[in-house]
Amino acid sequence: MKSARNHQAYWAFLGHRLSGLALALFLPAHFYVLAMALDEARLDGFLKLAETPAMKFGEWGLVLLLTLHMFFGLRLLALELLPWSSTRNARIAWIGWGFAASMAIGLVFIAGVI
């Protein structure tokens, strides 16, 4: 019997869930930085920190998480709402295209940032 954890739908679910949780953890930090914009001195200090390579890598990771979450969410909507034959190839294609598009957007972003 094939394990459910070896199924492609499980990996798409896991990618969507983990990227969503990581984005949810990011939101409080984002709101904190937005609140810092009210104090110009604190914001200037943070903006200097934001120019470091580690922060640029973090921004790339954020873009990657956003695109992964978006494409896995679109995959889920398409599988639920569009008329599909439930073939294995159709589902694998959505996972592959979503991941490839996420990586391409991430690479374009990092190429423009660095």
PDB file of N, CA and C in Angstrom:
ATOM      1  N   MET A   1       0.846  -1.188   0.000  1.00  0.00           N
ATOM      2  CA  MET A   1       0.000   0.000   0.000  1.00  0.00           C
ATOM      3  C   MET A   1       0.887   1.245   0.000  1.00  0.00           C
ATOM      4  N   LYS A   2       0.525   2.199  -0.817  1.00  0.00           N
ATOM      5  CA  LYS A   2       1.310   3.423  -0.951  1.00  0.00           C
ATOM      6  C   LYS A   2       1.007   4.365   0.216  1.00  0.00           C
ATOM      7  N   SER A   3       2.056   4.894   0.815  1.00  0.00           N
ATOM      8  CA  SER A   3       1.894   5.815   1.923  1.00  0.00           C
ATOM      9  C   SER A   3       1.357   7.155   1.426  1.00  0.00           C
ATOM     10  N   ALA A   4       0.484   7.762   2.196  1.00  0.00           N
ATOM     11  CA  ALA A   4      -0.082   9.060   1.819  1.00  0.00           C
ATOM     12  C   ALA A   4       1.004  10.135   1.766  1.00  0.00           C
ATOM     13  N   ARG A   5       2.059   9.959   2.529  1.00  0.00           N
ATOM     14  CA  ARG A   5       3.121  10.962   2.555  1.00  0.00           C
ATOM     15  C   ARG A   5       4.017  10.899   1.325  1.00  0.00           C
ATOM     16  N   ASN A   6       3.887   9.873   0.549  1.00  0.00           N
ATOM     17  CA  ASN A   6       4.649   9.780  -0.694  1.00  0.00           C
ATOM     18  C   ASN A   6       3.830  10.262  -1.890  1.00  0.00           C
ATOM     19  N   HIS A   7       2.625  10.718  -1.655  1.00  0.00           N
ATOM     20  CA  HIS A   7       1.753  11.168  -2.732  1.00  0.00           C
ATOM     21  C   HIS A   7       2.056  12.625  -3.057  1.00  0.00           C
ATOM     22  N   GLN A   8       1.993  12.986  -4.341  1.00  0.00           N
ATOM     23  CA  GLN A   8       2.330  14.347  -4.761  1.00  0.00           C
ATOM     24  C   GLN A   8       1.389  15.381  -4.157  1.00  0.00           C
ATOM     25  N   ALA A   9       0.141  15.025  -3.918  1.00  0.00           N
ATOM     26  CA  ALA A   9      -0.803  15.964  -3.321  1.00  0.00           C
ATOM     27  C   ALA A   9      -0.393  16.302  -1.888  1.00  0.00           C
ATOM     28  N   TYR A  10       0.189  15.339  -1.188  1.00  0.00           N
ATOM     29  CA  TYR A  10       0.656  15.600   0.175  1.00  0.00           C
ATOM     30  C   TYR A  10       1.764  16.640   0.164  1.00  0.00           C
ATOM     31  N   TRP A  11       2.685  16.536  -0.776  1.00  0.00           N
ATOM     32  CA  TRP A  11       3.802  17.491  -0.829  1.00  0.00           C
ATOM     33  C   TRP A  11       3.311  18.879  -1.223  1.00  0.00           C
ATOM     34  N   ALA A  12       2.306  18.959  -2.080  1.00  0.00           N
ATOM     35  CA  ALA A  12       1.721  20.251  -2.430  1.00  0.00           C
ATOM     36  C   ALA A  12       1.015  20.847  -1.202  1.00  0.00           C
ATOM     37  N   PHE A  13       0.274  20.017  -0.479  1.00  0.00           N
ATOM     38  CA  PHE A  13      -0.380  20.471   0.748  1.00  0.00           C
ATOM     39  C   PHE A  13       0.650  20.959   1.756  1.00  0.00           C
ATOM     40  N   LEU A  14       1.721  20.190   1.929  1.00  0.00           N
ATOM     41  CA  LEU A  14       2.750  20.546   2.901  1.00  0.00           C
ATOM     42  C   LEU A  14       3.438  21.856   2.515  1.00  0.00           C
ATOM     43  N   GLY A  15       3.744  22.028   1.235  1.00  0.00           N
ATOM     44  CA  GLY A  15       4.359  23.278   0.784  1.00  0.00           C
ATOM     45  C   GLY A  15       3.450  24.467   1.005  1.00  0.00           C
ATOM     46  N   HIS A  16       2.161  24.296   0.723  1.00  0.00           N
ATOM     47  CA  HIS A  16       1.203  25.380   0.921  1.00  0.00           C
ATOM     48  C   HIS A  16       1.055  25.704   2.404  1.00  0.00           C
ATOM     49  N   ARG A  17       0.948  24.678   3.228  1.00  0.00           N
ATOM     50  CA  ARG A  17       0.760  24.893   4.670  1.00  0.00           C
ATOM     51  C   ARG A  17       1.996  25.524   5.310  1.00  0.00           C
ATOM     52  N   LEU A  18       3.190  25.014   5.007  1.00  0.00           N
ATOM     53  CA  LEU A  18       4.411  25.549   5.627  1.00  0.00           C
ATOM     54  C   LEU A  18       4.715  26.969   5.161  1.00  0.00           C
ATOM     55  N   SER A  19       4.486  27.246   3.888  1.00  0.00           N
ATOM     56  CA  SER A  19       4.722  28.617   3.419  1.00  0.00           C
ATOM     57  C   SER A  19       3.712  29.570   4.060  1.00  0.00           C
ATOM     58  N   GLY A  20       2.488  29.124   4.236  1.00  0.00           N
ATOM     59  CA  GLY A  20       1.484  29.951   4.912  1.00  0.00           C
ATOM     60  C   GLY A  20       1.845  30.220   6.367  1.00  0.00           C
ATOM     61  N   LEU A  21       2.324  29.205   7.062  1.00  0.00           N
ATOM     62  CA  LEU A  21       2.733  29.395   8.458  1.00  0.00           C
ATOM     63  C   LEU A  21       3.938  30.331   8.561  1.00  0.00           C
ATOM     64  N   ALA A  22       4.896  30.185   7.658  1.00  0.00           N
ATOM     65  CA  ALA A  22       6.072  31.068   7.679  1.00  0.00           C
ATOM     66  C   ALA A  22       5.658  32.509   7.400  1.00  0.00           C
ATOM     67  N   LEU A  23       4.729  32.706   6.482  1.00  0.00           N
ATOM     68  CA  LEU A  23       4.240  34.054   6.204  1.00  0.00           C
ATOM     69  C   LEU A  23       3.483  34.621   7.405  1.00  0.00           C
ATOM     70  N   ALA A  24       2.730  33.781   8.095  1.00  0.00           N
ATOM     71  CA  ALA A  24       2.019  34.233   9.293  1.00  0.00           C
ATOM     72  C   ALA A  24       2.989  34.638  10.397  1.00  0.00           C
ATOM     73  N   LEU A  25       4.110  33.947  10.495  1.00  0.00           N
ATOM     74  CA  LEU A  25       5.124  34.321  11.483  1.00  0.00           C
ATOM     75  C   LEU A  25       5.835  35.613  11.090  1.00  0.00           C
ATOM     76  N   PHE A  26       5.905  35.878   9.798  1.00  0.00           N
ATOM     77  CA  PHE A  26       6.563  37.089   9.324  1.00  0.00           C
ATOM     78  C   PHE A  26       5.727  38.338   9.589  1.00  0.00           C
ATOM     79  N   LEU A  27       4.416  38.222   9.589  1.00  0.00           N
ATOM     80  CA  LEU A  27       3.538  39.388   9.698  1.00  0.00           C
ATOM     81  C   LEU A  27       3.794  40.256  10.932  1.00  0.00           C
ATOM     82  N   PRO A  28       3.961  39.706  12.130  1.00  0.00           N
ATOM     83  CA  PRO A  28       4.232  40.593  13.272  1.00  0.00           C
ATOM     84  C   PRO A  28       5.516  41.410  13.092  1.00  0.00           C
ATOM     85  N   ALA A  29       6.540  40.813  12.521  1.00  0.00           N
ATOM     86  CA  ALA A  29       7.774  41.562  12.271  1.00  0.00           C
ATOM     87  C   ALA A  29       7.527  42.669  11.256  1.00  0.00           C
ATOM     88  N   HIS A  30       6.735  42.389  10.259  1.00  0.00           N
ATOM     89  CA  HIS A  30       6.408  43.384   9.249  1.00  0.00           C
ATOM     90  C   HIS A  30       5.642  44.556   9.868  1.00  0.00           C
ATOM     91  N   PHE A  31       4.673  44.258  10.699  1.00  0.00           N
ATOM     92  CA  PHE A  31       3.914  45.315  11.358  1.00  0.00           C
ATOM     93  C   PHE A  31       4.793  46.129  12.304  1.00  0.00           C
ATOM     94  N   TYR A  32       5.752  45.474  12.952  1.00  0.00           N
ATOM     95  CA  TYR A  32       6.682  46.179  13.831  1.00  0.00           C
ATOM     96  C   TYR A  32       7.517  47.183  13.036  1.00  0.00           C
ATOM     97  N   VAL A  33       8.000  46.771  11.885  1.00  0.00           N
ATOM     98  CA  VAL A  33       8.793  47.672  11.047  1.00  0.00           C
ATOM     99  C   VAL A  33       7.924  48.822  10.537  1.00  0.00           C
ATOM    100  N   LEU A  34       6.686  48.540  10.182  1.00  0.00           N
ATOM    101  CA  LEU A  34       5.786  49.614   9.769  1.00  0.00           C
ATOM    102  C   LEU A  34       5.562  50.613  10.900  1.00  0.00           C
ATOM    103  N   ALA A  35       5.455  50.122  12.124  1.00  0.00           N
ATOM    104  CA  ALA A  35       5.297  51.017  13.270  1.00  0.00           C
ATOM    105  C   ALA A  35       6.557  51.851  13.483  1.00  0.00           C
ATOM    106  N   MET A  36       7.725  51.287  13.143  1.00  0.00           N
ATOM    107  CA  MET A  36       8.975  52.039  13.286  1.00  0.00           C
ATOM    108  C   MET A  36       9.024  53.229  12.332  1.00  0.00           C
ATOM    109  N   ALA A  37       8.265  53.210  11.280  1.00  0.00           N
ATOM    110  CA  ALA A  37       8.253  54.316  10.320  1.00  0.00           C
ATOM    111  C   ALA A  37       7.764  55.607  10.965  1.00  0.00           C
ATOM    112  N   LEU A  38       7.085  55.499  12.100  1.00  0.00           N
ATOM    113  CA  LEU A  38       6.620  56.689  12.791  1.00  0.00           C
ATOM    114  C   LEU A  38       7.764  57.446  13.460  1.00  0.00           C
ATOM    115  N   ASP A  39       8.844  56.752  13.782  1.00  0.00           N
ATOM    116  CA  ASP A  39      10.025  57.368  14.391  1.00  0.00           C
ATOM    117  C   ASP A  39      11.155  57.329  13.372  1.00  0.00           C
ATOM    118  N   GLU A  40      11.526  58.480  12.855  1.00  0.00           N
ATOM    119  CA  GLU A  40      12.480  58.553  11.742  1.00  0.00           C
ATOM    120  C   GLU A  40      13.858  57.984  12.100  1.00  0.00           C
ATOM    121  N   ALA A  41      14.329  58.200  13.305  1.00  0.00           N
ATOM    122  CA  ALA A  41      15.659  57.708  13.696  1.00  0.00           C
ATOM    123  C   ALA A  41      15.690  56.180  13.732  1.00  0.00           C
ATOM    124  N   ARG A  42      14.659  55.588  14.303  1.00  0.00           N
ATOM    125  CA  ARG A  42      14.603  54.118  14.353  1.00  0.00           C
ATOM    126  C   ARG A  42      14.477  53.524  12.961  1.00  0.00           C
ATOM    127  N   LEU A  43      13.688  54.168  12.107  1.00  0.00           N
ATOM    128  CA  LEU A  43      13.518  53.674  10.750  1.00  0.00           C
ATOM    129  C   LEU A  43      14.827  53.749   9.979  1.00  0.00           C
ATOM    130  N   ASP A  44      15.581  54.833  10.131  1.00  0.00           N
ATOM    131  CA  ASP A  44      16.875  54.953   9.450  1.00  0.00           C
ATOM    132  C   ASP A  44      17.829  53.841   9.878  1.00  0.00           C
ATOM    133  N   GLY A  45      17.830  53.512  11.159  1.00  0.00           N
ATOM    134  CA  GLY A  45      18.663  52.414  11.645  1.00  0.00           C
ATOM    135  C   GLY A  45      18.261  51.086  11.037  1.00  0.00           C
ATOM    136  N   PHE A  46      16.968  50.858  10.936  1.00  0.00           N
ATOM    137  CA  PHE A  46      16.512  49.611  10.336  1.00  0.00           C
ATOM    138  C   PHE A  46      16.827  49.558   8.845  1.00  0.00           C
ATOM    139  N   LEU A  47      16.700  50.684   8.161  1.00  0.00           N
ATOM    140  CA  LEU A  47      16.986  50.696   6.732  1.00  0.00           C
ATOM    141  C   LEU A  47      18.458  50.407   6.448  1.00  0.00           C
ATOM    142  N   LYS A  48      19.346  50.834   7.350  1.00  0.00           N
ATOM    143  CA  LYS A  48      20.765  50.480   7.200  1.00  0.00           C
ATOM    144  C   LYS A  48      20.954  48.973   7.381  1.00  0.00           C
ATOM    145  N   LEU A  49      20.244  48.411   8.345  1.00  0.00           N
ATOM    146  CA  LEU A  49      20.301  46.960   8.561  1.00  0.00           C
ATOM    147  C   LEU A  49      19.734  46.206   7.358  1.00  0.00           C
ATOM    148  N   ALA A  50      18.727  46.773   6.724  1.00  0.00           N
ATOM    149  CA  ALA A  50      18.075  46.119   5.588  1.00  0.00           C
ATOM    150  C   ALA A  50      18.983  46.027   4.367  1.00  0.00           C
ATOM    151  N   GLU A  51      20.060  46.771   4.342  1.00  0.00           N
ATOM    152  CA  GLU A  51      20.992  46.730   3.212  1.00  0.00           C
ATOM    153  C   GLU A  51      22.037  45.614   3.337  1.00  0.00           C
ATOM    154  N   THR A  52      22.023  44.880   4.424  1.00  0.00           N
ATOM    155  CA  THR A  52      22.998  43.808   4.607  1.00  0.00           C
ATOM    156  C   THR A  52      22.633  42.603   3.739  1.00  0.00           C
ATOM    157  N   PRO A  53      23.634  41.808   3.347  1.00  0.00           N
ATOM    158  CA  PRO A  53      23.345  40.631   2.514  1.00  0.00           C
ATOM    159  C   PRO A  53      22.390  39.629   3.172  1.00  0.00           C
ATOM    160  N   ALA A  54      22.472  39.488   4.486  1.00  0.00           N
ATOM    161  CA  ALA A  54      21.575  38.544   5.167  1.00  0.00           C
ATOM    162  C   ALA A  54      20.117  38.982   5.020  1.00  0.00           C
ATOM    163  N   MET A  55      19.870  40.270   5.127  1.00  0.00           N
ATOM    164  CA  MET A  55      18.503  40.769   4.980  1.00  0.00           C
ATOM    165  C   MET A  55      18.034  40.648   3.532  1.00  0.00           C
ATOM    166  N   LYS A  56      18.930  40.871   2.579  1.00  0.00           N
ATOM    167  CA  LYS A  56      18.572  40.705   1.172  1.00  0.00           C
ATOM    168  C   LYS A  56      18.195  39.250   0.888  1.00  0.00           C
ATOM    169  N   PHE A  57      18.943  38.329   1.486  1.00  0.00           N
ATOM    170  CA  PHE A  57      18.616  36.908   1.334  1.00  0.00           C
ATOM    171  C   PHE A  57      17.257  36.618   1.962  1.00  0.00           C
ATOM    172  N   GLY A  58      16.986  37.240   3.102  1.00  0.00           N
ATOM    173  CA  GLY A  58      15.681  37.075   3.742  1.00  0.00           C
ATOM    174  C   GLY A  58      14.545  37.614   2.886  1.00  0.00           C
ATOM    175  N   GLU A  59      14.776  38.732   2.214  1.00  0.00           N
ATOM    176  CA  GLU A  59      13.767  39.278   1.304  1.00  0.00           C
ATOM    177  C   GLU A  59      13.506  38.311   0.157  1.00  0.00           C
ATOM    178  N   TRP A  60      14.577  37.706  -0.357  1.00  0.00           N
ATOM    179  CA  TRP A  60      14.416  36.711  -1.420  1.00  0.00           C
ATOM    180  C   TRP A  60      13.595  35.529  -0.904  1.00  0.00           C
ATOM    181  N   GLY A  61      13.885  35.095   0.303  1.00  0.00           N
ATOM    182  CA  GLY A  61      13.118  34.008   0.892  1.00  0.00           C
ATOM    183  C   GLY A  61      11.650  34.359   1.053  1.00  0.00           C
ATOM    184  N   LEU A  62      11.383  35.600   1.410  1.00  0.00           N
ATOM    185  CA  LEU A  62      10.003  36.048   1.552  1.00  0.00           C
ATOM    186  C   LEU A  62       9.280  36.011   0.208  1.00  0.00           C
ATOM    187  N   VAL A  63       9.936  36.500  -0.829  1.00  0.00           N
ATOM    188  CA  VAL A  63       9.326  36.456  -2.165  1.00  0.00           C
ATOM    189  C   VAL A  63       9.083  35.009  -2.588  1.00  0.00           C
ATOM    190  N   LEU A  64      10.030  34.137  -2.309  1.00  0.00           N
ATOM    191  CA  LEU A  64       9.873  32.723  -2.642  1.00  0.00           C
ATOM    192  C   LEU A  64       8.695  32.116  -1.876  1.00  0.00           C
ATOM    193  N   LEU A  65       8.583  32.429  -0.593  1.00  0.00           N
ATOM    194  CA  LEU A  65       7.456  31.919   0.186  1.00  0.00           C
ATOM    195  C   LEU A  65       6.120  32.425  -0.356  1.00  0.00           C
ATOM    196  N   LEU A  66       6.079  33.710  -0.702  1.00  0.00           N
ATOM    197  CA  LEU A  66       4.838  34.270  -1.242  1.00  0.00           C
ATOM    198  C   LEU A  66       4.434  33.593  -2.549  1.00  0.00           C
ATOM    199  N   THR A  67       5.398  33.388  -3.431  1.00  0.00           N
ATOM    200  CA  THR A  67       5.048  32.780  -4.716  1.00  0.00           C
ATOM    201  C   THR A  67       4.707  31.300  -4.556  1.00  0.00           C
ATOM    202  N   LEU A  68       5.420  30.586  -3.691  1.00  0.00           N
ATOM    203  CA  LEU A  68       5.069  29.187  -3.443  1.00  0.00           C
ATOM    204  C   LEU A  68       3.647  29.086  -2.895  1.00  0.00           C
ATOM    205  N   HIS A  69       3.341  29.931  -1.934  1.00  0.00           N
ATOM    206  CA  HIS A  69       2.021  29.893  -1.337  1.00  0.00           C
ATOM    207  C   HIS A  69       0.953  30.226  -2.377  1.00  0.00           C
ATOM    208  N   MET A  70       1.226  31.203  -3.209  1.00  0.00           N
ATOM    209  CA  MET A  70       0.265  31.583  -4.241  1.00  0.00           C
ATOM    210  C   MET A  70       0.049  30.453  -5.239  1.00  0.00           C
ATOM    211  N   PHE A  71       1.131  29.867  -5.756  1.00  0.00           N
ATOM    212  CA  PHE A  71       0.969  28.833  -6.772  1.00  0.00           C
ATOM    213  C   PHE A  71       0.372  27.547  -6.210  1.00  0.00           C
ATOM    214  N   PHE A  72       0.736  27.180  -4.993  1.00  0.00           N
ATOM    215  CA  PHE A  72       0.108  26.001  -4.407  1.00  0.00           C
ATOM    216  C   PHE A  72      -1.367  26.272  -4.106  1.00  0.00           C
ATOM    217  N   GLY A  73      -1.707  27.506  -3.729  1.00  0.00           N
ATOM    218  CA  GLY A  73      -3.109  27.864  -3.528  1.00  0.00           C
ATOM    219  C   GLY A  73      -3.891  27.839  -4.830  1.00  0.00           C
ATOM    220  N   LEU A  74      -3.275  28.340  -5.904  1.00  0.00           N
ATOM    221  CA  LEU A  74      -3.927  28.285  -7.214  1.00  0.00           C
ATOM    222  C   LEU A  74      -4.115  26.845  -7.667  1.00  0.00           C
ATOM    223  N   ARG A  75      -3.137  26.002  -7.370  1.00  0.00           N
ATOM    224  CA  ARG A  75      -3.250  24.578  -7.705  1.00  0.00           C
ATOM    225  C   ARG A  75      -4.448  23.966  -6.986  1.00  0.00           C
ATOM    226  N   LEU A  76      -4.570  24.284  -5.722  1.00  0.00           N
ATOM    227  CA  LEU A  76      -5.676  23.746  -4.940  1.00  0.00           C
ATOM    228  C   LEU A  76      -7.022  24.221  -5.490  1.00  0.00           C
ATOM    229  N   LEU A  77      -7.114  25.508  -5.805  1.00  0.00           N
ATOM    230  CA  LEU A  77      -8.354  26.031  -6.380  1.00  0.00           C
ATOM    231  C   LEU A  77      -8.663  25.376  -7.722  1.00  0.00           C
ATOM    232  N   ALA A  78      -7.658  25.213  -8.557  1.00  0.00           N
ATOM    233  CA  ALA A  78      -7.877  24.601  -9.871  1.00  0.00           C
ATOM    234  C   ALA A  78      -8.340  23.158  -9.730  1.00  0.00           C
ATOM    235  N   LEU A  79      -7.725  22.413  -8.823  1.00  0.00           N
ATOM    236  CA  LEU A  79      -8.119  21.015  -8.650  1.00  0.00           C
ATOM    237  C   LEU A  79      -9.530  20.888  -8.086  1.00  0.00           C
ATOM    238  N   GLU A  80      -9.932  21.844  -7.270  1.00  0.00           N
ATOM    239  CA  GLU A  80     -11.264  21.764  -6.686  1.00  0.00           C
ATOM    240  C   GLU A  80     -12.354  22.318  -7.600  1.00  0.00           C
ATOM    241  N   LEU A  81     -12.034  23.352  -8.390  1.00  0.00           N
ATOM    242  CA  LEU A  81     -13.080  24.058  -9.109  1.00  0.00           C
ATOM    243  C   LEU A  81     -13.118  23.795 -10.605  1.00  0.00           C
ATOM    244  N   LEU A  82     -12.028  23.352 -11.204  1.00  0.00           N
ATOM    245  CA  LEU A  82     -12.006  23.110 -12.640  1.00  0.00           C
ATOM    246  C   LEU A  82     -12.311  21.648 -12.935  1.00  0.00           C
ATOM    247  N   PRO A  83     -12.886  21.391 -14.096  1.00  0.00           N
ATOM    248  CA  PRO A  83     -13.134  19.985 -14.458  1.00  0.00           C
ATOM    249  C   PRO A  83     -11.820  19.304 -14.853  1.00  0.00           C
ATOM    250  N   TRP A  84     -11.368  18.367 -14.043  1.00  0.00           N
ATOM    251  CA  TRP A  84     -10.118  17.642 -14.294  1.00  0.00           C
ATOM    252  C   TRP A  84     -10.424  16.170 -14.409  1.00  0.00           C
ATOM    253  N   SER A  85      -9.616  15.524 -15.201  1.00  0.00           N
ATOM    254  CA  SER A  85      -9.560  14.078 -15.039  1.00  0.00           C
ATOM    255  C   SER A  85      -8.516  13.891 -13.951  1.00  0.00           C
ATOM    256  N   SER A  86      -8.770  13.051 -13.022  1.00  0.00           N
ATOM    257  CA  SER A  86      -7.870  12.951 -11.876  1.00  0.00           C
ATOM    258  C   SER A  86      -6.655  12.087 -12.209  1.00  0.00           C
ATOM    259  N   THR A  87      -5.964  12.478 -13.251  1.00  0.00           N
ATOM    260  CA  THR A  87      -4.768  11.734 -13.608  1.00  0.00           C
ATOM    261  C   THR A  87      -3.595  12.217 -12.774  1.00  0.00           C
ATOM    262  N   ARG A  88      -2.676  11.329 -12.592  1.00  0.00           N
ATOM    263  CA  ARG A  88      -1.482  11.649 -11.814  1.00  0.00           C
ATOM    264  C   ARG A  88      -0.662  12.727 -12.515  1.00  0.00           C
ATOM    265  N   ASN A  89      -0.590  12.684 -13.838  1.00  0.00           N
ATOM    266  CA  ASN A  89       0.220  13.639 -14.587  1.00  0.00           C
ATOM    267  C   ASN A  89      -0.294  15.066 -14.450  1.00  0.00           C
ATOM    268  N   ALA A  90      -1.593  15.250 -14.409  1.00  0.00           N
ATOM    269  CA  ALA A  90      -2.154  16.595 -14.261  1.00  0.00           C
ATOM    270  C   ALA A  90      -1.759  17.189 -12.918  1.00  0.00           C
ATOM    271  N   ARG A  91      -1.808  16.396 -11.885  1.00  0.00           N
ATOM    272  CA  ARG A  91      -1.451  16.891 -10.554  1.00  0.00           C
ATOM    273  C   ARG A  91       0.042  17.155 -10.434  1.00  0.00           C
ATOM    274  N   ILE A  92       0.831  16.290 -10.988  1.00  0.00           N
ATOM    275  CA  ILE A  92       2.279  16.503 -10.961  1.00  0.00           C
ATOM    276  C   ILE A  92       2.637  17.763 -11.739  1.00  0.00           C
ATOM    277  N   ALA A  93       1.953  17.993 -12.854  1.00  0.00           N
ATOM    278  CA  ALA A  93       2.227  19.182 -13.655  1.00  0.00           C
ATOM    279  C   ALA A  93       1.965  20.448 -12.849  1.00  0.00           C
ATOM    280  N   TRP A  94       0.879  20.483 -12.091  1.00  0.00           N
ATOM    281  CA  TRP A  94       0.599  21.674 -11.292  1.00  0.00           C
ATOM    282  C   TRP A  94       1.664  21.898 -10.237  1.00  0.00           C
ATOM    283  N   ILE A  95       2.140  20.847  -9.623  1.00  0.00           N
ATOM    284  CA  ILE A  95       3.189  20.997  -8.613  1.00  0.00           C
ATOM    285  C   ILE A  95       4.468  21.488  -9.272  1.00  0.00           C
ATOM    286  N   GLY A  96       4.843  20.865 -10.378  1.00  0.00           N
ATOM    287  CA  GLY A  96       6.075  21.246 -11.065  1.00  0.00           C
ATOM    288  C   GLY A  96       6.036  22.657 -11.602  1.00  0.00           C
ATOM    289  N   TRP A  97       4.945  23.037 -12.248  1.00  0.00           N
ATOM    290  CA  TRP A  97       4.837  24.389 -12.800  1.00  0.00           C
ATOM    291  C   TRP A  97       4.800  25.433 -11.701  1.00  0.00           C
ATOM    292  N   GLY A  98       4.107  25.146 -10.618  1.00  0.00           N
ATOM    293  CA  GLY A  98       4.058  26.096  -9.503  1.00  0.00           C
ATOM    294  C   GLY A  98       5.416  26.310  -8.883  1.00  0.00           C
ATOM    295  N   PHE A  99       6.139  25.220  -8.671  1.00  0.00           N
ATOM    296  CA  PHE A  99       7.472  25.341  -8.084  1.00  0.00           C
ATOM    297  C   PHE A  99       8.421  26.051  -9.045  1.00  0.00           C
ATOM    298  N   ALA A 100       8.365  25.702 -10.322  1.00  0.00           N
ATOM    299  CA  ALA A 100       9.243  26.340 -11.310  1.00  0.00           C
ATOM    300  C   ALA A 100       8.947  27.834 -11.427  1.00  0.00           C
ATOM    301  N   ALA A 101       7.675  28.197 -11.440  1.00  0.00           N
ATOM    302  CA  ALA A 101       7.323  29.616 -11.522  1.00  0.00           C
ATOM    303  C   ALA A 101       7.768  30.360 -10.269  1.00  0.00           C
ATOM    304  N   SER A 102       7.642  29.731  -9.108  1.00  0.00           N
ATOM    305  CA  SER A 102       8.089  30.357  -7.864  1.00  0.00           C
ATOM    306  C   SER A 102       9.593  30.595  -7.878  1.00  0.00           C
ATOM    307  N   MET A 103      10.331  29.611  -8.318  1.00  0.00           N
ATOM    308  CA  MET A 103      11.788  29.769  -8.386  1.00  0.00           C
ATOM    309  C   MET A 103      12.176  30.845  -9.399  1.00  0.00           C
ATOM    310  N   ALA A 104      11.478  30.906 -10.536  1.00  0.00           N
ATOM    311  CA  ALA A 104      11.795  31.915 -11.547  1.00  0.00           C
ATOM    312  C   ALA A 104      11.533  33.318 -11.007  1.00  0.00           C
ATOM    313  N   ILE A 105      10.416  33.506 -10.333  1.00  0.00           N
ATOM    314  CA  ILE A 105      10.115  34.816  -9.756  1.00  0.00           C
ATOM    315  C   ILE A 105      11.142  35.158  -8.682  1.00  0.00           C
ATOM    316  N   GLY A 106      11.512  34.192  -7.863  1.00  0.00           N
ATOM    317  CA  GLY A 106      12.530  34.427  -6.850  1.00  0.00           C
ATOM    318  C   GLY A 106      13.870  34.789  -7.438  1.00  0.00           C
ATOM    319  N   LEU A 107      14.257  34.116  -8.510  1.00  0.00           N
ATOM    320  CA  LEU A 107      15.538  34.418  -9.154  1.00  0.00           C
ATOM    321  C   LEU A 107      15.524  35.804  -9.805  1.00  0.00           C
ATOM    322  N   VAL A 108      14.409  36.168 -10.414  1.00  0.00           N
ATOM    323  CA  VAL A 108      14.299  37.515 -10.990  1.00  0.00           C
ATOM    324  C   VAL A 108      14.411  38.556  -9.894  1.00  0.00           C
ATOM    325  N   PHE A 109      13.762  38.291  -8.763  1.00  0.00           N
ATOM    326  CA  PHE A 109      13.823  39.230  -7.653  1.00  0.00           C
ATOM    327  C   PHE A 109      15.230  39.369  -7.102  1.00  0.00           C
ATOM    328  N   ILE A 110      15.904  38.237  -6.883  1.00  0.00           N
ATOM    329  CA  ILE A 110      17.243  38.313  -6.297  1.00  0.00           C
ATOM    330  C   ILE A 110      18.238  38.939  -7.285  1.00  0.00           C
ATOM    331  N   ALA A 111      18.025  38.737  -8.561  1.00  0.00           N
ATOM    332  CA  ALA A 111      18.904  39.351  -9.558  1.00  0.00           C
ATOM    333  C   ALA A 111      18.738  40.869  -9.561  1.00  0.00           C
ATOM    334  N   GLY A 112      17.542  41.342  -9.294  1.00  0.00           N
ATOM    335  CA  GLY A 112      17.301  42.775  -9.262  1.00  0.00           C
ATOM    336  C   GLY A 112      17.701  43.422  -7.956  1.00  0.00           C
ATOM    337  N   VAL A 113      17.738  42.639  -6.878  1.00  0.00           N
ATOM    338  CA  VAL A 113      18.040  43.179  -5.551  1.00  0.00           C
ATOM    339  C   VAL A 113      19.536  43.309  -5.323  1.00  0.00           C
ATOM    340  N   ILE A 114      20.264  42.298  -5.721  1.00  0.00           N
ATOM    341  CA  ILE A 114      21.705  42.283  -5.426  1.00  0.00           C
ATOM    342  C   ILE A 114      22.478  43.018  -6.486  1.00  0.00           C
TER     343      ILE A 114
END
